[in-house]
Amino acid sequence: MRTMPIDQETDKLSVVYSVHVIEGGEQGFLDAYDRIRKSVASVPGHIVDRLGEPIDDSRQWVITSEWETPDHFFAWQQGEDHRALLAPLRQWVDQTQSLRFRVVQETVGAGA
């Protein structure tokens, strides 16, 4: 294991979007997410997107993404296409929470 401080010059933004999928809405949610991830992959400044599935019956899914800078993320989020792109996803969720943060330290496992 090794812990590394992240370069203070790095301005990468991490976003965590937690959603509670309505009962029976998993496939609709997955279909909507698939369309979103394909579109976001081509957005300038987008680095990676991940989808986390709950391991219990909570229906609480997590979407994480990383961006080169906060400006890249906010330009996409505030763009005209953002609302239209996310609209189909919203019909499958009844609760959301969004967190945005800059990573300041990273611990890498021994096998990495």
PDB file of N, CA and C in Angstrom:
ATOM      1  N   MET A   1       0.855  -1.180   0.000  1.00  0.00           N
ATOM      2  CA  MET A   1       0.000   0.000   0.000  1.00  0.00           C
ATOM      3  C   MET A   1       0.898   1.239   0.000  1.00  0.00           C
ATOM      4  N   ARG A   2       0.489   2.223  -0.757  1.00  0.00           N
ATOM      5  CA  ARG A   2       1.201   3.494  -0.707  1.00  0.00           C
ATOM      6  C   ARG A   2       0.181   4.623  -0.793  1.00  0.00           C
ATOM      7  N   THR A   3       0.435   5.664  -0.038  1.00  0.00           N
ATOM      8  CA  THR A   3      -0.434   6.837  -0.018  1.00  0.00           C
ATOM      9  C   THR A   3       0.316   7.976  -0.668  1.00  0.00           C
ATOM     10  N   MET A   4      -0.365   8.638  -1.582  1.00  0.00           N
ATOM     11  CA  MET A   4       0.274   9.720  -2.318  1.00  0.00           C
ATOM     12  C   MET A   4      -0.561  10.983  -2.212  1.00  0.00           C
ATOM     13  N   PRO A   5       0.075  12.104  -1.863  1.00  0.00           N
ATOM     14  CA  PRO A   5      -0.667  13.363  -1.968  1.00  0.00           C
ATOM     15  C   PRO A   5      -0.872  13.660  -3.447  1.00  0.00           C
ATOM     16  N   ILE A   6      -1.966  14.231  -3.747  1.00  0.00           N
ATOM     17  CA  ILE A   6      -2.251  14.608  -5.129  1.00  0.00           C
ATOM     18  C   ILE A   6      -1.631  15.983  -5.384  1.00  0.00           C
ATOM     19  N   ASP A   7      -1.012  16.142  -6.528  1.00  0.00           N
ATOM     20  CA  ASP A   7      -0.380  17.401  -6.913  1.00  0.00           C
ATOM     21  C   ASP A   7      -1.362  18.552  -6.701  1.00  0.00           C
ATOM     22  N   GLN A   8      -0.942  19.526  -5.929  1.00  0.00           N
ATOM     23  CA  GLN A   8      -1.816  20.659  -5.628  1.00  0.00           C
ATOM     24  C   GLN A   8      -2.154  21.476  -6.871  1.00  0.00           C
ATOM     25  N   GLU A   9      -1.366  21.317  -7.927  1.00  0.00           N
ATOM     26  CA  GLU A   9      -1.652  22.011  -9.170  1.00  0.00           C
ATOM     27  C   GLU A   9      -2.793  21.341  -9.931  1.00  0.00           C
ATOM     28  N   THR A  10      -3.094  20.099  -9.586  1.00  0.00           N
ATOM     29  CA  THR A  10      -4.155  19.369 -10.259  1.00  0.00           C
ATOM     30  C   THR A  10      -5.498  19.949  -9.856  1.00  0.00           C
ATOM     31  N   ASP A  11      -6.327  20.163 -10.810  1.00  0.00           N
ATOM     32  CA  ASP A  11      -7.629  20.769 -10.543  1.00  0.00           C
ATOM     33  C   ASP A  11      -8.752  19.794 -10.883  1.00  0.00           C
ATOM     34  N   LYS A  12      -8.451  18.488 -10.906  1.00  0.00           N
ATOM     35  CA  LYS A  12      -9.470  17.502 -11.262  1.00  0.00           C
ATOM     36  C   LYS A  12     -10.643  17.565 -10.299  1.00  0.00           C
ATOM     37  N   LEU A  13     -11.822  17.344 -10.847  1.00  0.00           N
ATOM     38  CA  LEU A  13     -13.053  17.339 -10.059  1.00  0.00           C
ATOM     39  C   LEU A  13     -13.639  15.943 -10.074  1.00  0.00           C
ATOM     40  N   SER A  14     -14.010  15.454  -8.900  1.00  0.00           N
ATOM     41  CA  SER A  14     -14.736  14.192  -8.793  1.00  0.00           C
ATOM     42  C   SER A  14     -16.177  14.497  -8.417  1.00  0.00           C
ATOM     43  N   VAL A  15     -17.095  13.770  -9.034  1.00  0.00           N
ATOM     44  CA  VAL A  15     -18.523  13.975  -8.784  1.00  0.00           C
ATOM     45  C   VAL A  15     -19.122  12.632  -8.396  1.00  0.00           C
ATOM     46  N   VAL A  16     -19.897  12.628  -7.315  1.00  0.00           N
ATOM     47  CA  VAL A  16     -20.619  11.437  -6.878  1.00  0.00           C
ATOM     48  C   VAL A  16     -22.102  11.780  -6.929  1.00  0.00           C
ATOM     49  N   TYR A  17     -22.843  10.985  -7.666  1.00  0.00           N
ATOM     50  CA  TYR A  17     -24.279  11.203  -7.831  1.00  0.00           C
ATOM     51  C   TYR A  17     -24.974   9.950  -7.328  1.00  0.00           C
ATOM     52  N   SER A  18     -25.663  10.073  -6.197  1.00  0.00           N
ATOM     53  CA  SER A  18     -26.358   8.948  -5.591  1.00  0.00           C
ATOM     54  C   SER A  18     -27.837   9.041  -5.953  1.00  0.00           C
ATOM     55  N   VAL A  19     -28.389   7.936  -6.448  1.00  0.00           N
ATOM     56  CA  VAL A  19     -29.789   7.931  -6.855  1.00  0.00           C
ATOM     57  C   VAL A  19     -30.503   6.728  -6.259  1.00  0.00           C
ATOM     58  N   HIS A  20     -31.738   6.923  -5.873  1.00  0.00           N
ATOM     59  CA  HIS A  20     -32.578   5.833  -5.392  1.00  0.00           C
ATOM     60  C   HIS A  20     -33.538   5.483  -6.526  1.00  0.00           C
ATOM     61  N   VAL A  21     -33.361   4.288  -7.089  1.00  0.00           N
ATOM     62  CA  VAL A  21     -34.161   3.852  -8.229  1.00  0.00           C
ATOM     63  C   VAL A  21     -35.503   3.331  -7.726  1.00  0.00           C
ATOM     64  N   ILE A  22     -36.578   3.732  -8.388  1.00  0.00           N
ATOM     65  CA  ILE A  22     -37.907   3.291  -7.974  1.00  0.00           C
ATOM     66  C   ILE A  22     -38.048   1.779  -8.154  1.00  0.00           C
ATOM     67  N   GLU A  23     -38.927   1.192  -7.375  1.00  0.00           N
ATOM     68  CA  GLU A  23     -39.143  -0.253  -7.454  1.00  0.00           C
ATOM     69  C   GLU A  23     -39.565  -0.645  -8.870  1.00  0.00           C
ATOM     70  N   GLY A  24     -38.901  -1.626  -9.433  1.00  0.00           N
ATOM     71  CA  GLY A  24     -39.192  -2.087 -10.785  1.00  0.00           C
ATOM     72  C   GLY A  24     -38.588  -1.220 -11.872  1.00  0.00           C
ATOM     73  N   GLY A  25     -37.828  -0.184 -11.500  1.00  0.00           N
ATOM     74  CA  GLY A  25     -37.295   0.743 -12.490  1.00  0.00           C
ATOM     75  C   GLY A  25     -35.854   0.508 -12.893  1.00  0.00           C
ATOM     76  N   GLU A  26     -35.276  -0.603 -12.454  1.00  0.00           N
ATOM     77  CA  GLU A  26     -33.852  -0.831 -12.699  1.00  0.00           C
ATOM     78  C   GLU A  26     -33.494  -0.859 -14.178  1.00  0.00           C
ATOM     79  N   GLN A  27     -34.258  -1.575 -14.986  1.00  0.00           N
ATOM     80  CA  GLN A  27     -33.917  -1.673 -16.410  1.00  0.00           C
ATOM     81  C   GLN A  27     -34.076  -0.331 -17.118  1.00  0.00           C
ATOM     82  N   GLY A  28     -35.115   0.401 -16.797  1.00  0.00           N
ATOM     83  CA  GLY A  28     -35.291   1.738 -17.370  1.00  0.00           C
ATOM     84  C   GLY A  28     -34.161   2.664 -16.967  1.00  0.00           C
ATOM     85  N   PHE A  29     -33.753   2.579 -15.710  1.00  0.00           N
ATOM     86  CA  PHE A  29     -32.627   3.369 -15.220  1.00  0.00           C
ATOM     87  C   PHE A  29     -31.350   3.003 -15.968  1.00  0.00           C
ATOM     88  N   LEU A  30     -31.077   1.708 -16.109  1.00  0.00           N
ATOM     89  CA  LEU A  30     -29.870   1.257 -16.807  1.00  0.00           C
ATOM     90  C   LEU A  30     -29.861   1.693 -18.270  1.00  0.00           C
ATOM     91  N   ASP A  31     -31.012   1.619 -18.922  1.00  0.00           N
ATOM     92  CA  ASP A  31     -31.108   2.057 -20.320  1.00  0.00           C
ATOM     93  C   ASP A  31     -30.829   3.559 -20.437  1.00  0.00           C
ATOM     94  N   ALA A  32     -31.411   4.348 -19.529  1.00  0.00           N
ATOM     95  CA  ALA A  32     -31.194   5.799 -19.546  1.00  0.00           C
ATOM     96  C   ALA A  32     -29.733   6.130 -19.245  1.00  0.00           C
ATOM     97  N   TYR A  33     -29.155   5.452 -18.263  1.00  0.00           N
ATOM     98  CA  TYR A  33     -27.744   5.674 -17.926  1.00  0.00           C
ATOM     99  C   TYR A  33     -26.838   5.334 -19.104  1.00  0.00           C
ATOM    100  N   ASP A  34     -27.144   4.273 -19.812  1.00  0.00           N
ATOM    101  CA  ASP A  34     -26.329   3.874 -20.961  1.00  0.00           C
ATOM    102  C   ASP A  34     -26.286   4.977 -22.017  1.00  0.00           C
ATOM    103  N   ARG A  35     -27.424   5.611 -22.267  1.00  0.00           N
ATOM    104  CA  ARG A  35     -27.459   6.728 -23.228  1.00  0.00           C
ATOM    105  C   ARG A  35     -26.634   7.913 -22.717  1.00  0.00           C
ATOM    106  N   ILE A  36     -26.749   8.188 -21.416  1.00  0.00           N
ATOM    107  CA  ILE A  36     -26.015   9.312 -20.824  1.00  0.00           C
ATOM    108  C   ILE A  36     -24.515   9.073 -20.910  1.00  0.00           C
ATOM    109  N   ARG A  37     -24.055   7.881 -20.497  1.00  0.00           N
ATOM    110  CA  ARG A  37     -22.606   7.620 -20.453  1.00  0.00           C
ATOM    111  C   ARG A  37     -21.990   7.694 -21.842  1.00  0.00           C
ATOM    112  N   LYS A  38     -22.718   7.242 -22.857  1.00  0.00           N
ATOM    113  CA  LYS A  38     -22.183   7.316 -24.219  1.00  0.00           C
ATOM    114  C   LYS A  38     -22.048   8.761 -24.675  1.00  0.00           C
ATOM    115  N   SER A  39     -22.990   9.598 -24.293  1.00  0.00           N
ATOM    116  CA  SER A  39     -22.937  11.007 -24.662  1.00  0.00           C
ATOM    117  C   SER A  39     -21.838  11.745 -23.883  1.00  0.00           C
ATOM    118  N   VAL A  40     -21.756  11.501 -22.579  1.00  0.00           N
ATOM    119  CA  VAL A  40     -20.795  12.198 -21.735  1.00  0.00           C
ATOM    120  C   VAL A  40     -19.359  11.836 -22.105  1.00  0.00           C
ATOM    121  N   ALA A  41     -19.142  10.636 -22.600  1.00  0.00           N
ATOM    122  CA  ALA A  41     -17.788  10.191 -22.954  1.00  0.00           C
ATOM    123  C   ALA A  41     -17.115  11.117 -23.963  1.00  0.00           C
ATOM    124  N   SER A  42     -17.896  11.818 -24.762  1.00  0.00           N
ATOM    125  CA  SER A  42     -17.317  12.698 -25.776  1.00  0.00           C
ATOM    126  C   SER A  42     -17.249  14.166 -25.338  1.00  0.00           C
ATOM    127  N   VAL A  43     -17.649  14.453 -24.102  1.00  0.00           N
ATOM    128  CA  VAL A  43     -17.639  15.832 -23.612  1.00  0.00           C
ATOM    129  C   VAL A  43     -16.206  16.245 -23.264  1.00  0.00           C
ATOM    130  N   PRO A  44     -15.762  17.405 -23.737  1.00  0.00           N
ATOM    131  CA  PRO A  44     -14.410  17.868 -23.397  1.00  0.00           C
ATOM    132  C   PRO A  44     -14.214  17.924 -21.881  1.00  0.00           C
ATOM    133  N   GLY A  45     -13.081  17.383 -21.414  1.00  0.00           N
ATOM    134  CA  GLY A  45     -12.741  17.421 -20.004  1.00  0.00           C
ATOM    135  C   GLY A  45     -13.214  16.230 -19.196  1.00  0.00           C
ATOM    136  N   HIS A  46     -14.083  15.399 -19.778  1.00  0.00           N
ATOM    137  CA  HIS A  46     -14.551  14.209 -19.059  1.00  0.00           C
ATOM    138  C   HIS A  46     -13.467  13.146 -19.094  1.00  0.00           C
ATOM    139  N   ILE A  47     -13.162  12.548 -17.926  1.00  0.00           N
ATOM    140  CA  ILE A  47     -12.110  11.536 -17.837  1.00  0.00           C
ATOM    141  C   ILE A  47     -12.697  10.140 -17.721  1.00  0.00           C
ATOM    142  N   VAL A  48     -13.563   9.917 -16.755  1.00  0.00           N
ATOM    143  CA  VAL A  48     -14.108   8.579 -16.522  1.00  0.00           C
ATOM    144  C   VAL A  48     -15.467   8.677 -15.837  1.00  0.00           C
ATOM    145  N   ASP A  49     -16.269   7.682 -16.061  1.00  0.00           N
ATOM    146  CA  ASP A  49     -17.592   7.577 -15.470  1.00  0.00           C
ATOM    147  C   ASP A  49     -17.743   6.146 -14.969  1.00  0.00           C
ATOM    148  N   ARG A  50     -18.301   5.967 -13.779  1.00  0.00           N
ATOM    149  CA  ARG A  50     -18.516   4.629 -13.224  1.00  0.00           C
ATOM    150  C   ARG A  50     -19.910   4.529 -12.641  1.00  0.00           C
ATOM    151  N   LEU A  51     -20.502   3.336 -12.754  1.00  0.00           N
ATOM    152  CA  LEU A  51     -21.815   3.068 -12.177  1.00  0.00           C
ATOM    153  C   LEU A  51     -21.664   1.996 -11.123  1.00  0.00           C
ATOM    154  N   GLY A  52     -22.148   2.283  -9.922  1.00  0.00           N
ATOM    155  CA  GLY A  52     -22.103   1.318  -8.831  1.00  0.00           C
ATOM    156  C   GLY A  52     -23.496   0.793  -8.523  1.00  0.00           C
ATOM    157  N   GLU A  53     -23.627  -0.525  -8.533  1.00  0.00           N
ATOM    158  CA  GLU A  53     -24.898  -1.208  -8.250  1.00  0.00           C
ATOM    159  C   GLU A  53     -24.952  -1.588  -6.771  1.00  0.00           C
ATOM    160  N   PRO A  54     -26.098  -1.432  -6.120  1.00  0.00           N
ATOM    161  CA  PRO A  54     -26.181  -1.811  -4.708  1.00  0.00           C
ATOM    162  C   PRO A  54     -26.027  -3.325  -4.529  1.00  0.00           C
ATOM    163  N   ILE A  55     -25.390  -3.714  -3.430  1.00  0.00           N
ATOM    164  CA  ILE A  55     -25.239  -5.139  -3.150  1.00  0.00           C
ATOM    165  C   ILE A  55     -26.308  -5.636  -2.177  1.00  0.00           C
ATOM    166  N   ASP A  56     -27.188  -4.742  -1.793  1.00  0.00           N
ATOM    167  CA  ASP A  56     -28.313  -5.121  -0.953  1.00  0.00           C
ATOM    168  C   ASP A  56     -29.600  -4.754  -1.686  1.00  0.00           C
ATOM    169  N   ASP A  57     -30.707  -4.749  -1.006  1.00  0.00           N
ATOM    170  CA  ASP A  57     -31.979  -4.438  -1.674  1.00  0.00           C
ATOM    171  C   ASP A  57     -32.385  -2.974  -1.514  1.00  0.00           C
ATOM    172  N   SER A  58     -31.398  -2.088  -1.325  1.00  0.00           N
ATOM    173  CA  SER A  58     -31.685  -0.666  -1.071  1.00  0.00           C
ATOM    174  C   SER A  58     -32.105   0.111  -2.315  1.00  0.00           C
ATOM    175  N   ARG A  59     -31.778  -0.384  -3.502  1.00  0.00           N
ATOM    176  CA  ARG A  59     -32.040   0.304  -4.771  1.00  0.00           C
ATOM    177  C   ARG A  59     -31.297   1.651  -4.855  1.00  0.00           C
ATOM    178  N   GLN A  60     -30.229   1.801  -4.035  1.00  0.00           N
ATOM    179  CA  GLN A  60     -29.410   3.015  -4.013  1.00  0.00           C
ATOM    180  C   GLN A  60     -28.194   2.800  -4.912  1.00  0.00           C
ATOM    181  N   TRP A  61     -28.204   3.418  -6.086  1.00  0.00           N
ATOM    182  CA  TRP A  61     -27.127   3.308  -7.062  1.00  0.00           C
ATOM    183  C   TRP A  61     -26.226   4.535  -6.944  1.00  0.00           C
ATOM    184  N   VAL A  62     -24.972   4.410  -7.390  1.00  0.00           N
ATOM    185  CA  VAL A  62     -24.032   5.522  -7.338  1.00  0.00           C
ATOM    186  C   VAL A  62     -23.369   5.675  -8.708  1.00  0.00           C
ATOM    187  N   ILE A  63     -23.359   6.892  -9.199  1.00  0.00           N
ATOM    188  CA  ILE A  63     -22.654   7.241 -10.428  1.00  0.00           C
ATOM    189  C   ILE A  63     -21.500   8.145 -10.020  1.00  0.00           C
ATOM    190  N   THR A  64     -20.287   7.788 -10.414  1.00  0.00           N
ATOM    191  CA  THR A  64     -19.141   8.653 -10.133  1.00  0.00           C
ATOM    192  C   THR A  64     -18.512   9.075 -11.456  1.00  0.00           C
ATOM    193  N   SER A  65     -18.003  10.276 -11.476  1.00  0.00           N
ATOM    194  CA  SER A  65     -17.306  10.735 -12.672  1.00  0.00           C
ATOM    195  C   SER A  65     -16.138  11.614 -12.263  1.00  0.00           C
ATOM    196  N   GLU A  66     -15.167  11.674 -13.146  1.00  0.00           N
ATOM    197  CA  GLU A  66     -14.001  12.508 -12.904  1.00  0.00           C
ATOM    198  C   GLU A  66     -13.827  13.422 -14.110  1.00  0.00           C
ATOM    199  N   TRP A  67     -13.473  14.673 -13.826  1.00  0.00           N
ATOM    200  CA  TRP A  67     -13.341  15.710 -14.842  1.00  0.00           C
ATOM    201  C   TRP A  67     -11.986  16.388 -14.720  1.00  0.00           C
ATOM    202  N   GLU A  68     -11.433  16.842 -15.828  1.00  0.00           N
ATOM    203  CA  GLU A  68     -10.128  17.515 -15.821  1.00  0.00           C
ATOM    204  C   GLU A  68     -10.135  18.746 -14.936  1.00  0.00           C
ATOM    205  N   THR A  69     -11.236  19.515 -14.972  1.00  0.00           N
ATOM    206  CA  THR A  69     -11.364  20.718 -14.149  1.00  0.00           C
ATOM    207  C   THR A  69     -12.833  20.908 -13.774  1.00  0.00           C
ATOM    208  N   PRO A  70     -13.089  21.658 -12.704  1.00  0.00           N
ATOM    209  CA  PRO A  70     -14.474  22.002 -12.394  1.00  0.00           C
ATOM    210  C   PRO A  70     -15.154  22.746 -13.549  1.00  0.00           C
ATOM    211  N   ASP A  71     -14.389  23.593 -14.248  1.00  0.00           N
ATOM    212  CA  ASP A  71     -14.964  24.348 -15.365  1.00  0.00           C
ATOM    213  C   ASP A  71     -15.528  23.424 -16.441  1.00  0.00           C
ATOM    214  N   HIS A  72     -14.815  22.330 -16.738  1.00  0.00           N
ATOM    215  CA  HIS A  72     -15.321  21.374 -17.727  1.00  0.00           C
ATOM    216  C   HIS A  72     -16.658  20.785 -17.281  1.00  0.00           C
ATOM    217  N   PHE A  73     -16.731  20.369 -16.019  1.00  0.00           N
ATOM    218  CA  PHE A  73     -17.971  19.777 -15.517  1.00  0.00           C
ATOM    219  C   PHE A  73     -19.120  20.779 -15.552  1.00  0.00           C
ATOM    220  N   PHE A  74     -18.877  21.973 -15.019  1.00  0.00           N
ATOM    221  CA  PHE A  74     -19.957  22.955 -14.942  1.00  0.00           C
ATOM    222  C   PHE A  74     -20.394  23.449 -16.325  1.00  0.00           C
ATOM    223  N   ALA A  75     -19.470  23.500 -17.271  1.00  0.00           N
ATOM    224  CA  ALA A  75     -19.862  23.861 -18.645  1.00  0.00           C
ATOM    225  C   ALA A  75     -20.824  22.822 -19.198  1.00  0.00           C
ATOM    226  N   TRP A  76     -20.529  21.538 -18.949  1.00  0.00           N
ATOM    227  CA  TRP A  76     -21.436  20.477 -19.407  1.00  0.00           C
ATOM    228  C   TRP A  76     -22.752  20.534 -18.638  1.00  0.00           C
ATOM    229  N   GLN A  77     -22.679  20.661 -17.320  1.00  0.00           N
ATOM    230  CA  GLN A  77     -23.880  20.647 -16.490  1.00  0.00           C
ATOM    231  C   GLN A  77     -24.810  21.811 -16.820  1.00  0.00           C
ATOM    232  N   GLN A  78     -24.266  22.943 -17.149  1.00  0.00           N
ATOM    233  CA  GLN A  78     -25.078  24.123 -17.414  1.00  0.00           C
ATOM    234  C   GLN A  78     -25.420  24.288 -18.894  1.00  0.00           C
ATOM    235  N   GLY A  79     -24.955  23.364 -19.717  1.00  0.00           N
ATOM    236  CA  GLY A  79     -25.244  23.434 -21.145  1.00  0.00           C
ATOM    237  C   GLY A  79     -26.689  23.083 -21.462  1.00  0.00           C
ATOM    238  N   GLU A  80     -27.130  23.465 -22.636  1.00  0.00           N
ATOM    239  CA  GLU A  80     -28.520  23.260 -23.052  1.00  0.00           C
ATOM    240  C   GLU A  80     -28.908  21.786 -23.131  1.00  0.00           C
ATOM    241  N   ASP A  81     -27.976  20.933 -23.512  1.00  0.00           N
ATOM    242  CA  ASP A  81     -28.287  19.522 -23.707  1.00  0.00           C
ATOM    243  C   ASP A  81     -28.387  18.733 -22.402  1.00  0.00           C
ATOM    244  N   HIS A  82     -27.842  19.268 -21.320  1.00  0.00           N
ATOM    245  CA  HIS A  82     -27.774  18.527 -20.058  1.00  0.00           C
ATOM    246  C   HIS A  82     -29.147  18.094 -19.546  1.00  0.00           C
ATOM    247  N   ARG A  83     -30.069  19.017 -19.444  1.00  0.00           N
ATOM    248  CA  ARG A  83     -31.412  18.689 -18.923  1.00  0.00           C
ATOM    249  C   ARG A  83     -32.118  17.656 -19.795  1.00  0.00           C
ATOM    250  N   ALA A  84     -32.055  17.841 -21.091  1.00  0.00           N
ATOM    251  CA  ALA A  84     -32.712  16.896 -22.006  1.00  0.00           C
ATOM    252  C   ALA A  84     -32.085  15.509 -21.907  1.00  0.00           C
ATOM    253  N   LEU A  85     -30.766  15.465 -21.754  1.00  0.00           N
ATOM    254  CA  LEU A  85     -30.064  14.188 -21.657  1.00  0.00           C
ATOM    255  C   LEU A  85     -30.444  13.439 -20.385  1.00  0.00           C
ATOM    256  N   LEU A  86     -30.578  14.164 -19.259  1.00  0.00           N
ATOM    257  CA  LEU A  86     -30.888  13.521 -17.987  1.00  0.00           C
ATOM    258  C   LEU A  86     -32.377  13.295 -17.746  1.00  0.00           C
ATOM    259  N   ALA A  87     -33.237  13.921 -18.515  1.00  0.00           N
ATOM    260  CA  ALA A  87     -34.684  13.794 -18.297  1.00  0.00           C
ATOM    261  C   ALA A  87     -35.174  12.343 -18.274  1.00  0.00           C
ATOM    262  N   PRO A  88     -34.759  11.490 -19.198  1.00  0.00           N
ATOM    263  CA  PRO A  88     -35.235  10.104 -19.157  1.00  0.00           C
ATOM    264  C   PRO A  88     -34.799   9.356 -17.887  1.00  0.00           C
ATOM    265  N   LEU A  89     -33.653   9.694 -17.336  1.00  0.00           N
ATOM    266  CA  LEU A  89     -33.175   9.048 -16.118  1.00  0.00           C
ATOM    267  C   LEU A  89     -34.047   9.419 -14.921  1.00  0.00           C
ATOM    268  N   ARG A  90     -34.475  10.649 -14.875  1.00  0.00           N
ATOM    269  CA  ARG A  90     -35.220  11.158 -13.714  1.00  0.00           C
ATOM    270  C   ARG A  90     -36.545  10.440 -13.496  1.00  0.00           C
ATOM    271  N   GLN A  91     -37.125   9.889 -14.535  1.00  0.00           N
ATOM    272  CA  GLN A  91     -38.398   9.180 -14.343  1.00  0.00           C
ATOM    273  C   GLN A  91     -38.230   7.869 -13.588  1.00  0.00           C
ATOM    274  N   TRP A  92     -36.980   7.375 -13.476  1.00  0.00           N
ATOM    275  CA  TRP A  92     -36.706   6.096 -12.811  1.00  0.00           C
ATOM    276  C   TRP A  92     -36.153   6.252 -11.401  1.00  0.00           C
ATOM    277  N   VAL A  93     -35.971   7.487 -10.937  1.00  0.00           N
ATOM    278  CA  VAL A  93     -35.431   7.713  -9.596  1.00  0.00           C
ATOM    279  C   VAL A  93     -36.360   8.622  -8.804  1.00  0.00           C
ATOM    280  N   ASP A  94     -36.370   8.416  -7.482  1.00  0.00           N
ATOM    281  CA  ASP A  94     -37.217   9.273  -6.648  1.00  0.00           C
ATOM    282  C   ASP A  94     -36.425  10.078  -5.616  1.00  0.00           C
ATOM    283  N   GLN A  95     -35.115   9.846  -5.536  1.00  0.00           N
ATOM    284  CA  GLN A  95     -34.253  10.636  -4.656  1.00  0.00           C
ATOM    285  C   GLN A  95     -32.878  10.753  -5.303  1.00  0.00           C
ATOM    286  N   THR A  96     -32.279  11.925  -5.176  1.00  0.00           N
ATOM    287  CA  THR A  96     -30.923  12.122  -5.713  1.00  0.00           C
ATOM    288  C   THR A  96     -30.094  12.956  -4.740  1.00  0.00           C
ATOM    289  N   GLN A  97     -28.793  12.756  -4.794  1.00  0.00           N
ATOM    290  CA  GLN A  97     -27.862  13.598  -4.058  1.00  0.00           C
ATOM    291  C   GLN A  97     -26.600  13.701  -4.897  1.00  0.00           C
ATOM    292  N   SER A  98     -26.055  14.909  -4.995  1.00  0.00           N
ATOM    293  CA  SER A  98     -24.853  15.131  -5.790  1.00  0.00           C
ATOM    294  C   SER A  98     -23.779  15.762  -4.905  1.00  0.00           C
ATOM    295  N   LEU A  99     -22.572  15.180  -4.965  1.00  0.00           N
ATOM    296  CA  LEU A  99     -21.420  15.705  -4.234  1.00  0.00           C
ATOM    297  C   LEU A  99     -20.308  15.981  -5.227  1.00  0.00           C
ATOM    298  N   ARG A 100     -19.594  17.082  -5.031  1.00  0.00           N
ATOM    299  CA  ARG A 100     -18.472  17.433  -5.907  1.00  0.00           C
ATOM    300  C   ARG A 100     -17.276  17.759  -5.030  1.00  0.00           C
ATOM    301  N   PHE A 101     -16.105  17.219  -5.394  1.00  0.00           N
ATOM    302  CA  PHE A 101     -14.932  17.454  -4.563  1.00  0.00           C
ATOM    303  C   PHE A 101     -13.646  17.285  -5.355  1.00  0.00           C
ATOM    304  N   ARG A 102     -12.579  17.881  -4.833  1.00  0.00           N
ATOM    305  CA  ARG A 102     -11.245  17.735  -5.396  1.00  0.00           C
ATOM    306  C   ARG A 102     -10.505  16.708  -4.558  1.00  0.00           C
ATOM    307  N   VAL A 103      -9.921  15.702  -5.188  1.00  0.00           N
ATOM    308  CA  VAL A 103      -9.172  14.665  -4.483  1.00  0.00           C
ATOM    309  C   VAL A 103      -7.844  15.258  -4.030  1.00  0.00           C
ATOM    310  N   VAL A 104      -7.524  15.114  -2.723  1.00  0.00           N
ATOM    311  CA  VAL A 104      -6.284  15.671  -2.173  1.00  0.00           C
ATOM    312  C   VAL A 104      -5.296  14.574  -1.745  1.00  0.00           C
ATOM    313  N   GLN A 105      -5.780  13.336  -1.632  1.00  0.00           N
ATOM    314  CA  GLN A 105      -4.887  12.224  -1.288  1.00  0.00           C
ATOM    315  C   GLN A 105      -5.461  10.939  -1.846  1.00  0.00           C
ATOM    316  N   GLU A 106      -4.578  10.053  -2.259  1.00  0.00           N
ATOM    317  CA  GLU A 106      -5.003   8.796  -2.878  1.00  0.00           C
ATOM    318  C   GLU A 106      -4.159   7.661  -2.310  1.00  0.00           C
ATOM    319  N   THR A 107      -4.797   6.566  -1.903  1.00  0.00           N
ATOM    320  CA  THR A 107      -4.092   5.392  -1.407  1.00  0.00           C
ATOM    321  C   THR A 107      -4.275   4.273  -2.413  1.00  0.00           C
ATOM    322  N   VAL A 108      -3.162   3.689  -2.845  1.00  0.00           N
ATOM    323  CA  VAL A 108      -3.167   2.650  -3.857  1.00  0.00           C
ATOM    324  C   VAL A 108      -2.791   1.331  -3.179  1.00  0.00           C
ATOM    325  N   GLY A 109      -3.565   0.274  -3.460  1.00  0.00           N
ATOM    326  CA  GLY A 109      -3.286  -1.018  -2.865  1.00  0.00           C
ATOM    327  C   GLY A 109      -1.953  -1.589  -3.321  1.00  0.00           C
ATOM    328  N   ALA A 110      -1.429  -2.567  -2.550  1.00  0.00           N
ATOM    329  CA  ALA A 110      -0.126  -3.156  -2.825  1.00  0.00           C
ATOM    330  C   ALA A 110      -0.053  -3.806  -4.207  1.00  0.00           C
ATOM    331  N   GLY A 111      -1.165  -4.324  -4.689  1.00  0.00           N
ATOM    332  CA  GLY A 111      -1.183  -5.012  -5.977  1.00  0.00           C
ATOM    333  C   GLY A 111      -1.260  -4.098  -7.183  1.00  0.00           C
ATOM    334  N   ALA A 112      -1.450  -2.811  -6.947  1.00  0.00           N
ATOM    335  CA  ALA A 112      -1.617  -1.881  -8.074  1.00  0.00           C
ATOM    336  C   ALA A 112      -0.306  -1.372  -8.605  1.00  0.00           C
TER     337      ALA A 112
END
